[in-house]
Amino acid sequence: MGHCARFNGRCKRCEGELPFDFRMAFQPIVDLQWRRIHAYEALVRGPRGEPAGQVLAQVTDDLLYRFDQACRVKAIEQASRLGMRESLSINFLPNAVYEPEACIQATLAVSERVGWPKERLIFEIVESERIQDRPHVRGIIDAYRRMGFRVALDDFGTGHANLDLLTELHPDKLKLDRQLIMGCHRDPRRQTLIRGMVSLARELSMTLIAEGVEEVEEACWLLEAGIPLQQGYYFARPTLDALAEGLEARLEARFAPPRLRGVSACR
């Protein structure tokens, strides 16, 4: 990795206006055991709600660091303005972080300005296929955890986000990719793999989150298997500049309270 470009409190890589605009959409991560919203993930969208890909296509190498910082600031500002009380999960690109203590300064500044507690910030490592300098990424995770943040590894179980990463990286949370989750209620092989991940996460003191849940049967099976934290279209799609309305009431109506052994989790 290179060296941080911060000098006299400013960073020429991270600061300055972007030549394009973007907004944030928020998708809830639910806790089915307690029928409540656990956190929200902030997702990049275009100014009129265009897909993230259209925004990311405009991010050149020269704009990478500035864009990463701008996403963090905008996500925290919008979450605060919307009155979010849950934790906020923000994606970040590990290659856009030169020195964790320096590159976090804009995040700390906006958090202090809007009164957002550090313990309610989760950073999700994305672009796992590009993790080439693992010691550097581990340094980021360790530094963020020392600062009071939590760290998640996204898209686990697809591409290059595989088990060998866990020999060097120690995230707080592991997000299981949709490719592993889809149809899990009727696929014995997926069930075996997911149960193995539940056991592994317990041994490594990590919390699992199932991504891409699109069917109630998937949600129920995952809950019974020991993964109450879930995210996906079944619960809510990402919403521009807004939080999920009425979701907790729907969870209360659909999912049974903490149950006795042998009793179904879903009504």
C-alpha atoms as a PDB file:
ATOM      1  CA  MET A   1       0.000   0.000   0.000  1.00  0.00           C
ATOM      2  CA  GLY A   2       1.044   3.617  -0.442  1.00  0.00           C
ATOM      3  CA  HIS A   3       1.095   6.324   2.170  1.00  0.00           C
ATOM      4  CA  CYS A   4      -1.754   8.463   3.394  1.00  0.00           C
ATOM      5  CA  ALA A   5      -1.971  11.821   1.614  1.00  0.00           C
ATOM      6  CA  ARG A   6      -3.198  13.692   4.699  1.00  0.00           C
ATOM      7  CA  PHE A   7      -1.128  16.784   5.428  1.00  0.00           C
ATOM      8  CA  ASN A   8      -1.895  19.499   7.956  1.00  0.00           C
ATOM      9  CA  GLY A   9      -5.249  17.889   8.655  1.00  0.00           C
ATOM     10  CA  ARG A  10      -6.327  17.625   5.021  1.00  0.00           C
ATOM     11  CA  CYS A  11      -6.191  14.839   2.437  1.00  0.00           C
ATOM     12  CA  LYS A  12      -5.977  15.561  -1.274  1.00  0.00           C
ATOM     13  CA  ARG A  13      -7.178  12.050  -2.121  1.00  0.00           C
ATOM     14  CA  CYS A  14     -10.229  11.976   0.139  1.00  0.00           C
ATOM     15  CA  GLU A  15     -11.493  15.546   0.075  1.00  0.00           C
ATOM     16  CA  GLY A  16     -13.158  17.617  -2.622  1.00  0.00           C
ATOM     17  CA  GLU A  17     -16.328  17.527  -4.707  1.00  0.00           C
ATOM     18  CA  LEU A  18     -17.278  14.569  -6.883  1.00  0.00           C
ATOM     19  CA  PRO A  19     -18.171  15.226 -10.543  1.00  0.00           C
ATOM     20  CA  PHE A  20     -21.454  13.312 -10.113  1.00  0.00           C
ATOM     21  CA  ASP A  21     -24.264  13.098  -7.580  1.00  0.00           C
ATOM     22  CA  PHE A  22     -25.655  10.094  -5.737  1.00  0.00           C
ATOM     23  CA  ARG A  23     -28.114   9.237  -2.987  1.00  0.00           C
ATOM     24  CA  MET A  24     -28.471   6.549  -0.351  1.00  0.00           C
ATOM     25  CA  ALA A  25     -31.137   3.880  -0.030  1.00  0.00           C
ATOM     26  CA  PHE A  26     -31.606   1.973   3.215  1.00  0.00           C
ATOM     27  CA  GLN A  27     -32.473  -1.714   3.546  1.00  0.00           C
ATOM     28  CA  PRO A  28     -33.281  -3.210   6.960  1.00  0.00           C
ATOM     29  CA  ILE A  29     -31.539  -6.169   8.538  1.00  0.00           C
ATOM     30  CA  VAL A  30     -34.104  -7.855  10.770  1.00  0.00           C
ATOM     31  CA  ASP A  31     -33.843  -9.937  13.916  1.00  0.00           C
ATOM     32  CA  LEU A  32     -36.529 -12.600  13.627  1.00  0.00           C
ATOM     33  CA  GLN A  33     -35.983 -13.927  17.120  1.00  0.00           C
ATOM     34  CA  TRP A  34     -37.190 -10.639  18.585  1.00  0.00           C
ATOM     35  CA  ARG A  35     -39.228  -9.428  15.584  1.00  0.00           C
ATOM     36  CA  ARG A  36     -37.447  -6.116  15.261  1.00  0.00           C
ATOM     37  CA  ILE A  37     -35.126  -4.208  12.940  1.00  0.00           C
ATOM     38  CA  HIS A  38     -31.538  -4.906  13.927  1.00  0.00           C
ATOM     39  CA  ALA A  39     -29.760  -2.469  11.581  1.00  0.00           C
ATOM     40  CA  TYR A  40     -29.969  -0.762   8.201  1.00  0.00           C
ATOM     41  CA  GLU A  41     -27.528  -1.128   5.332  1.00  0.00           C
ATOM     42  CA  ALA A  42     -26.830   2.033   3.337  1.00  0.00           C
ATOM     43  CA  LEU A  43     -26.750   1.352  -0.409  1.00  0.00           C
ATOM     44  CA  VAL A  44     -25.615   3.704  -3.162  1.00  0.00           C
ATOM     45  CA  ARG A  45     -28.141   4.821  -5.766  1.00  0.00           C
ATOM     46  CA  GLY A  46     -28.205   7.429  -8.499  1.00  0.00           C
ATOM     47  CA  PRO A  47     -29.865  10.827  -7.985  1.00  0.00           C
ATOM     48  CA  ARG A  48     -33.140   9.468  -9.431  1.00  0.00           C
ATOM     49  CA  GLY A  49     -32.781   6.016  -7.918  1.00  0.00           C
ATOM     50  CA  GLU A  50     -30.620   4.520 -10.664  1.00  0.00           C
ATOM     51  CA  PRO A  51     -28.898   1.211  -9.769  1.00  0.00           C
ATOM     52  CA  ALA A  52     -25.616   1.246  -7.888  1.00  0.00           C
ATOM     53  CA  GLY A  53     -23.776  -0.001 -10.979  1.00  0.00           C
ATOM     54  CA  GLN A  54     -24.503   3.232 -12.837  1.00  0.00           C
ATOM     55  CA  VAL A  55     -22.960   5.220 -10.007  1.00  0.00           C
ATOM     56  CA  LEU A  56     -19.960   2.941  -9.527  1.00  0.00           C
ATOM     57  CA  ALA A  57     -19.211   3.090 -13.259  1.00  0.00           C
ATOM     58  CA  GLN A  58     -18.337   6.769 -12.757  1.00  0.00           C
ATOM     59  CA  VAL A  59     -15.848   6.081  -9.975  1.00  0.00           C
ATOM     60  CA  THR A  60     -12.403   6.218 -11.555  1.00  0.00           C
ATOM     61  CA  ASP A  61      -9.225   5.248  -9.735  1.00  0.00           C
ATOM     62  CA  ASP A  62      -8.581   8.929  -9.045  1.00  0.00           C
ATOM     63  CA  LEU A  63     -12.003   9.284  -7.400  1.00  0.00           C
ATOM     64  CA  LEU A  64     -11.991   6.041  -5.405  1.00  0.00           C
ATOM     65  CA  TYR A  65     -10.870   7.502  -2.071  1.00  0.00           C
ATOM     66  CA  ARG A  66     -13.061  10.577  -2.373  1.00  0.00           C
ATOM     67  CA  PHE A  67     -16.104   8.475  -3.243  1.00  0.00           C
ATOM     68  CA  ASP A  68     -15.542   6.097  -0.313  1.00  0.00           C
ATOM     69  CA  GLN A  69     -15.386   9.015   2.114  1.00  0.00           C
ATOM     70  CA  ALA A  70     -18.409  10.731   0.549  1.00  0.00           C
ATOM     71  CA  CYS A  71     -20.508   7.561   0.922  1.00  0.00           C
ATOM     72  CA  ARG A  72     -19.714   7.316   4.621  1.00  0.00           C
ATOM     73  CA  VAL A  73     -20.527  10.963   5.269  1.00  0.00           C
ATOM     74  CA  LYS A  74     -23.758  10.935   3.266  1.00  0.00           C
ATOM     75  CA  ALA A  75     -24.971   7.683   4.849  1.00  0.00           C
ATOM     76  CA  ILE A  76     -24.469   8.971   8.396  1.00  0.00           C
ATOM     77  CA  GLU A  77     -26.000  12.354   7.607  1.00  0.00           C
ATOM     78  CA  GLN A  78     -29.089  10.823   5.997  1.00  0.00           C
ATOM     79  CA  ALA A  79     -29.536   8.197   8.695  1.00  0.00           C
ATOM     80  CA  SER A  80     -29.406  10.890  11.352  1.00  0.00           C
ATOM     81  CA  ARG A  81     -31.834  13.123   9.459  1.00  0.00           C
ATOM     82  CA  LEU A  82     -34.292  10.221   9.129  1.00  0.00           C
ATOM     83  CA  GLY A  83     -34.164   9.590  12.870  1.00  0.00           C
ATOM     84  CA  MET A  84     -32.657   6.098  12.592  1.00  0.00           C
ATOM     85  CA  ARG A  85     -32.203   4.499  16.015  1.00  0.00           C
ATOM     86  CA  GLU A  86     -30.764   1.207  14.823  1.00  0.00           C
ATOM     87  CA  SER A  87     -27.167   0.516  13.828  1.00  0.00           C
ATOM     88  CA  LEU A  88     -26.024   1.694  10.411  1.00  0.00           C
ATOM     89  CA  SER A  89     -24.031  -0.618   8.128  1.00  0.00           C
ATOM     90  CA  ILE A  90     -21.849   1.103   5.531  1.00  0.00           C
ATOM     91  CA  ASN A  91     -19.989  -0.614   2.713  1.00  0.00           C
ATOM     92  CA  PHE A  92     -16.358   0.293   2.255  1.00  0.00           C
ATOM     93  CA  LEU A  93     -13.617  -0.580  -0.179  1.00  0.00           C
ATOM     94  CA  PRO A  94     -10.501  -1.793   1.624  1.00  0.00           C
ATOM     95  CA  ASN A  95      -8.330  -0.531  -1.233  1.00  0.00           C
ATOM     96  CA  ALA A  96      -9.652   2.969  -0.524  1.00  0.00           C
ATOM     97  CA  VAL A  97      -8.171   2.959   2.974  1.00  0.00           C
ATOM     98  CA  TYR A  98      -4.468   3.788   3.181  1.00  0.00           C
ATOM     99  CA  GLU A  99      -4.080   4.273   6.923  1.00  0.00           C
ATOM    100  CA  PRO A 100      -7.185   3.446   9.019  1.00  0.00           C
ATOM    101  CA  GLU A 101      -6.581   6.055  11.711  1.00  0.00           C
ATOM    102  CA  ALA A 102      -6.174   8.825   9.126  1.00  0.00           C
ATOM    103  CA  CYS A 103      -8.839   7.750   6.637  1.00  0.00           C
ATOM    104  CA  ILE A 104     -11.488   7.497   9.379  1.00  0.00           C
ATOM    105  CA  GLN A 105     -11.261  11.165  10.302  1.00  0.00           C
ATOM    106  CA  ALA A 106     -14.105  12.338   8.048  1.00  0.00           C
ATOM    107  CA  THR A 107     -16.322   9.589   9.483  1.00  0.00           C
ATOM    108  CA  LEU A 108     -15.481  10.614  13.040  1.00  0.00           C
ATOM    109  CA  ALA A 109     -16.110  14.266  12.225  1.00  0.00           C
ATOM    110  CA  VAL A 110     -19.590  13.733  10.764  1.00  0.00           C
ATOM    111  CA  SER A 111     -20.497  11.296  13.551  1.00  0.00           C
ATOM    112  CA  GLU A 112     -19.592  13.907  16.149  1.00  0.00           C
ATOM    113  CA  ARG A 113     -21.417  16.648  14.269  1.00  0.00           C
ATOM    114  CA  VAL A 114     -24.729  14.750  14.073  1.00  0.00           C
ATOM    115  CA  GLY A 115     -24.322  12.880  17.365  1.00  0.00           C
ATOM    116  CA  TRP A 116     -24.027   9.387  15.877  1.00  0.00           C
ATOM    117  CA  PRO A 117     -22.459   6.917  18.382  1.00  0.00           C
ATOM    118  CA  LYS A 118     -19.485   4.939  17.100  1.00  0.00           C
ATOM    119  CA  GLU A 119     -20.886   1.707  18.516  1.00  0.00           C
ATOM    120  CA  ARG A 120     -23.832   2.023  16.111  1.00  0.00           C
ATOM    121  CA  LEU A 121     -21.593   1.930  13.014  1.00  0.00           C
ATOM    122  CA  ILE A 122     -20.824  -1.288  11.141  1.00  0.00           C
ATOM    123  CA  PHE A 123     -18.404  -1.312   8.221  1.00  0.00           C
ATOM    124  CA  GLU A 124     -18.951  -3.968   5.561  1.00  0.00           C
ATOM    125  CA  ILE A 125     -15.955  -5.086   3.541  1.00  0.00           C
ATOM    126  CA  VAL A 126     -17.033  -5.405  -0.088  1.00  0.00           C
ATOM    127  CA  GLU A 127     -15.233  -6.287  -3.322  1.00  0.00           C
ATOM    128  CA  SER A 128     -13.892  -9.401  -1.582  1.00  0.00           C
ATOM    129  CA  GLU A 129     -12.473 -10.695  -4.845  1.00  0.00           C
ATOM    130  CA  ARG A 130     -10.021  -7.786  -4.786  1.00  0.00           C
ATOM    131  CA  ILE A 131      -8.582  -8.501  -1.348  1.00  0.00           C
ATOM    132  CA  GLN A 132      -4.963  -9.070  -2.267  1.00  0.00           C
ATOM    133  CA  ASP A 133      -3.147  -7.468   0.659  1.00  0.00           C
ATOM    134  CA  ARG A 134      -4.698  -9.416   3.515  1.00  0.00           C
ATOM    135  CA  PRO A 135      -2.385  -8.073   6.225  1.00  0.00           C
ATOM    136  CA  HIS A 136      -3.508  -4.569   5.258  1.00  0.00           C
ATOM    137  CA  VAL A 137      -7.186  -5.531   5.455  1.00  0.00           C
ATOM    138  CA  ARG A 138      -6.640  -7.239   8.780  1.00  0.00           C
ATOM    139  CA  GLY A 139      -4.986  -4.043   9.996  1.00  0.00           C
ATOM    140  CA  ILE A 140      -8.086  -2.079   8.986  1.00  0.00           C
ATOM    141  CA  ILE A 141     -10.391  -4.490  10.811  1.00  0.00           C
ATOM    142  CA  ASP A 142      -8.255  -4.482  13.952  1.00  0.00           C
ATOM    143  CA  ALA A 143      -7.992  -0.682  13.937  1.00  0.00           C
ATOM    144  CA  TYR A 144     -11.726  -0.174  13.438  1.00  0.00           C
ATOM    145  CA  ARG A 145     -12.545  -2.572  16.260  1.00  0.00           C
ATOM    146  CA  ARG A 146     -10.129  -0.731  18.572  1.00  0.00           C
ATOM    147  CA  MET A 147     -11.969   2.483  17.720  1.00  0.00           C
ATOM    148  CA  GLY A 148     -15.301   0.956  18.764  1.00  0.00           C
ATOM    149  CA  PHE A 149     -16.716   0.121  15.336  1.00  0.00           C
ATOM    150  CA  ARG A 150     -17.908  -3.308  14.219  1.00  0.00           C
ATOM    151  CA  VAL A 151     -16.835  -4.938  10.952  1.00  0.00           C
ATOM    152  CA  ALA A 152     -18.682  -7.346   8.647  1.00  0.00           C
ATOM    153  CA  LEU A 153     -17.418  -9.440   5.742  1.00  0.00           C
ATOM    154  CA  ASP A 154     -19.936  -9.217   2.899  1.00  0.00           C
ATOM    155  CA  ASP A 155     -20.924 -11.732   0.197  1.00  0.00           C
ATOM    156  CA  PHE A 156     -19.434 -14.702   2.027  1.00  0.00           C
ATOM    157  CA  GLY A 157     -19.740 -17.993   0.163  1.00  0.00           C
ATOM    158  CA  THR A 158     -19.401 -16.632  -3.370  1.00  0.00           C
ATOM    159  CA  GLY A 159     -16.494 -15.669  -5.604  1.00  0.00           C
ATOM    160  CA  HIS A 160     -13.300 -15.301  -3.600  1.00  0.00           C
ATOM    161  CA  ALA A 161     -14.987 -14.603  -0.241  1.00  0.00           C
ATOM    162  CA  ASN A 162     -14.288 -18.098   1.006  1.00  0.00           C
ATOM    163  CA  LEU A 163     -13.171 -19.879   4.148  1.00  0.00           C
ATOM    164  CA  ASP A 164      -9.474 -19.159   3.748  1.00  0.00           C
ATOM    165  CA  LEU A 165     -10.153 -15.464   4.399  1.00  0.00           C
ATOM    166  CA  LEU A 166     -11.105 -16.338   7.961  1.00  0.00           C
ATOM    167  CA  THR A 167      -7.607 -17.638   8.670  1.00  0.00           C
ATOM    168  CA  GLU A 168      -6.393 -14.023   8.612  1.00  0.00           C
ATOM    169  CA  LEU A 169      -9.431 -11.763   8.943  1.00  0.00           C
ATOM    170  CA  HIS A 170     -11.424 -11.561  12.161  1.00  0.00           C
ATOM    171  CA  PRO A 171     -14.725  -9.794  11.387  1.00  0.00           C
ATOM    172  CA  ASP A 172     -17.515  -9.390  13.934  1.00  0.00           C
ATOM    173  CA  LYS A 173     -20.181 -10.360  11.418  1.00  0.00           C
ATOM    174  CA  LEU A 174     -20.306 -12.641   8.392  1.00  0.00           C
ATOM    175  CA  LYS A 175     -22.938 -12.035   5.716  1.00  0.00           C
ATOM    176  CA  LEU A 176     -23.874 -15.215   3.842  1.00  0.00           C
ATOM    177  CA  ASP A 177     -24.454 -14.548   0.162  1.00  0.00           C
ATOM    178  CA  ARG A 178     -27.746 -15.142  -1.634  1.00  0.00           C
ATOM    179  CA  GLN A 179     -26.154 -17.926  -3.678  1.00  0.00           C
ATOM    180  CA  LEU A 180     -25.873 -19.987  -0.513  1.00  0.00           C
ATOM    181  CA  ILE A 181     -29.247 -18.915   0.916  1.00  0.00           C
ATOM    182  CA  MET A 182     -31.615 -19.330  -2.042  1.00  0.00           C
ATOM    183  CA  GLY A 183     -33.874 -22.352  -1.755  1.00  0.00           C
ATOM    184  CA  CYS A 184     -32.186 -23.472   1.471  1.00  0.00           C
ATOM    185  CA  HIS A 185     -35.488 -24.777   2.852  1.00  0.00           C
ATOM    186  CA  ARG A 186     -35.610 -27.497   0.157  1.00  0.00           C
ATOM    187  CA  ASP A 187     -31.924 -28.137  -0.585  1.00  0.00           C
ATOM    188  CA  PRO A 188     -30.169 -30.621   1.757  1.00  0.00           C
ATOM    189  CA  ARG A 189     -26.708 -29.653   0.496  1.00  0.00           C
ATOM    190  CA  ARG A 190     -27.270 -25.981   1.233  1.00  0.00           C
ATOM    191  CA  GLN A 191     -28.687 -26.943   4.606  1.00  0.00           C
ATOM    192  CA  THR A 192     -25.554 -28.910   5.474  1.00  0.00           C
ATOM    193  CA  LEU A 193     -23.307 -26.025   4.461  1.00  0.00           C
ATOM    194  CA  ILE A 194     -25.348 -23.448   6.380  1.00  0.00           C
ATOM    195  CA  ARG A 195     -25.452 -25.574   9.527  1.00  0.00           C
ATOM    196  CA  GLY A 196     -21.693 -25.906   9.222  1.00  0.00           C
ATOM    197  CA  MET A 197     -21.397 -22.116   9.026  1.00  0.00           C
ATOM    198  CA  VAL A 198     -23.565 -21.721  12.132  1.00  0.00           C
ATOM    199  CA  SER A 199     -21.208 -24.004  14.055  1.00  0.00           C
ATOM    200  CA  LEU A 200     -18.115 -22.297  12.640  1.00  0.00           C
ATOM    201  CA  ALA A 201     -19.401 -18.819  13.474  1.00  0.00           C
ATOM    202  CA  ARG A 202     -20.120 -19.900  17.028  1.00  0.00           C
ATOM    203  CA  GLU A 203     -16.583 -21.234  17.455  1.00  0.00           C
ATOM    204  CA  LEU A 204     -15.027 -18.075  15.947  1.00  0.00           C
ATOM    205  CA  SER A 205     -17.301 -15.661  17.870  1.00  0.00           C
ATOM    206  CA  MET A 206     -18.878 -14.226  14.731  1.00  0.00           C
ATOM    207  CA  THR A 207     -22.508 -13.303  14.098  1.00  0.00           C
ATOM    208  CA  LEU A 208     -24.111 -14.602  10.900  1.00  0.00           C
ATOM    209  CA  ILE A 209     -26.449 -12.566   8.706  1.00  0.00           C
ATOM    210  CA  ALA A 210     -28.329 -14.249   5.852  1.00  0.00           C
ATOM    211  CA  GLU A 211     -28.507 -12.010   2.771  1.00  0.00           C
ATOM    212  CA  GLY A 212     -30.921 -12.199  -0.130  1.00  0.00           C
ATOM    213  CA  VAL A 213     -33.849 -13.809   1.700  1.00  0.00           C
ATOM    214  CA  GLU A 214     -36.743 -13.719  -0.762  1.00  0.00           C
ATOM    215  CA  GLU A 215     -39.159 -16.404   0.466  1.00  0.00           C
ATOM    216  CA  VAL A 216     -40.858 -16.897   3.804  1.00  0.00           C
ATOM    217  CA  GLU A 217     -39.829 -20.559   3.734  1.00  0.00           C
ATOM    218  CA  GLU A 218     -36.180 -19.518   3.519  1.00  0.00           C
ATOM    219  CA  ALA A 219     -36.639 -17.142   6.431  1.00  0.00           C
ATOM    220  CA  CYS A 220     -38.300 -19.776   8.608  1.00  0.00           C
ATOM    221  CA  TRP A 221     -35.726 -22.461   7.863  1.00  0.00           C
ATOM    222  CA  LEU A 222     -32.832 -20.081   8.577  1.00  0.00           C
ATOM    223  CA  LEU A 223     -34.392 -19.026  11.864  1.00  0.00           C
ATOM    224  CA  GLU A 224     -34.802 -22.642  12.925  1.00  0.00           C
ATOM    225  CA  ALA A 225     -31.177 -23.305  11.888  1.00  0.00           C
ATOM    226  CA  GLY A 226     -29.926 -20.564  14.212  1.00  0.00           C
ATOM    227  CA  ILE A 227     -29.673 -17.490  11.949  1.00  0.00           C
ATOM    228  CA  PRO A 228     -32.206 -14.913  13.186  1.00  0.00           C
ATOM    229  CA  LEU A 229     -30.470 -11.946  11.513  1.00  0.00           C
ATOM    230  CA  GLN A 230     -31.674 -11.728   7.929  1.00  0.00           C
ATOM    231  CA  GLN A 231     -31.878  -9.279   5.041  1.00  0.00           C
ATOM    232  CA  GLY A 232     -33.636  -9.419   1.707  1.00  0.00           C
ATOM    233  CA  TYR A 233     -36.573  -8.526  -0.506  1.00  0.00           C
ATOM    234  CA  TYR A 234     -38.935 -10.716   1.494  1.00  0.00           C
ATOM    235  CA  PHE A 235     -38.698  -8.199   4.336  1.00  0.00           C
ATOM    236  CA  ALA A 236     -38.141  -4.931   2.462  1.00  0.00           C
ATOM    237  CA  ARG A 237     -36.468  -3.540  -0.610  1.00  0.00           C
ATOM    238  CA  PRO A 238     -33.970  -0.677  -0.287  1.00  0.00           C
ATOM    239  CA  THR A 239     -35.828   2.619   0.035  1.00  0.00           C
ATOM    240  CA  LEU A 240     -34.436   5.971  -1.101  1.00  0.00           C
ATOM    241  CA  ASP A 241     -34.023   8.465   1.730  1.00  0.00           C
ATOM    242  CA  ALA A 242     -36.490   6.564   3.913  1.00  0.00           C
ATOM    243  CA  LEU A 243     -36.732   3.838   6.537  1.00  0.00           C
ATOM    244  CA  ALA A 244     -38.961   0.768   6.454  1.00  0.00           C
ATOM    245  CA  GLU A 245     -42.489   1.559   7.680  1.00  0.00           C
ATOM    246  CA  GLY A 246     -44.626  -0.971   9.509  1.00  0.00           C
ATOM    247  CA  LEU A 247     -42.050  -3.740   9.172  1.00  0.00           C
ATOM    248  CA  GLU A 248     -41.833  -4.622  12.846  1.00  0.00           C
ATOM    249  CA  ALA A 249     -45.613  -5.010  13.052  1.00  0.00           C
ATOM    250  CA  ARG A 250     -45.488  -7.403  10.087  1.00  0.00           C
ATOM    251  CA  LEU A 251     -42.704  -9.388  11.730  1.00  0.00           C
ATOM    252  CA  GLU A 252     -44.734  -9.627  14.932  1.00  0.00           C
ATOM    253  CA  ALA A 253     -47.734 -10.900  13.000  1.00  0.00           C
ATOM    254  CA  ARG A 254     -45.807 -13.416  10.905  1.00  0.00           C
ATOM    255  CA  PHE A 255     -43.192 -14.888  13.234  1.00  0.00           C
ATOM    256  CA  ALA A 256     -43.861 -16.566  16.545  1.00  0.00           C
ATOM    257  CA  PRO A 257     -42.159 -15.341  19.736  1.00  0.00           C
ATOM    258  CA  PRO A 258     -39.103 -17.197  21.066  1.00  0.00           C
ATOM    259  CA  ARG A 259     -40.357 -20.752  21.112  1.00  0.00           C
ATOM    260  CA  LEU A 260     -40.007 -23.948  23.056  1.00  0.00           C
ATOM    261  CA  ARG A 261     -37.962 -26.762  21.571  1.00  0.00           C
ATOM    262  CA  GLY A 262     -39.805 -28.571  18.841  1.00  0.00           C
ATOM    263  CA  VAL A 263     -42.335 -25.803  18.163  1.00  0.00           C
ATOM    264  CA  SER A 264     -42.282 -24.123  14.746  1.00  0.00           C
ATOM    265  CA  ALA A 265     -40.843 -20.615  14.594  1.00  0.00           C
ATOM    266  CA  CYS A 266     -43.320 -19.414  11.982  1.00  0.00           C
ATOM    267  CA  ARG A 267     -47.051 -19.007  12.101  1.00  0.00           C
END
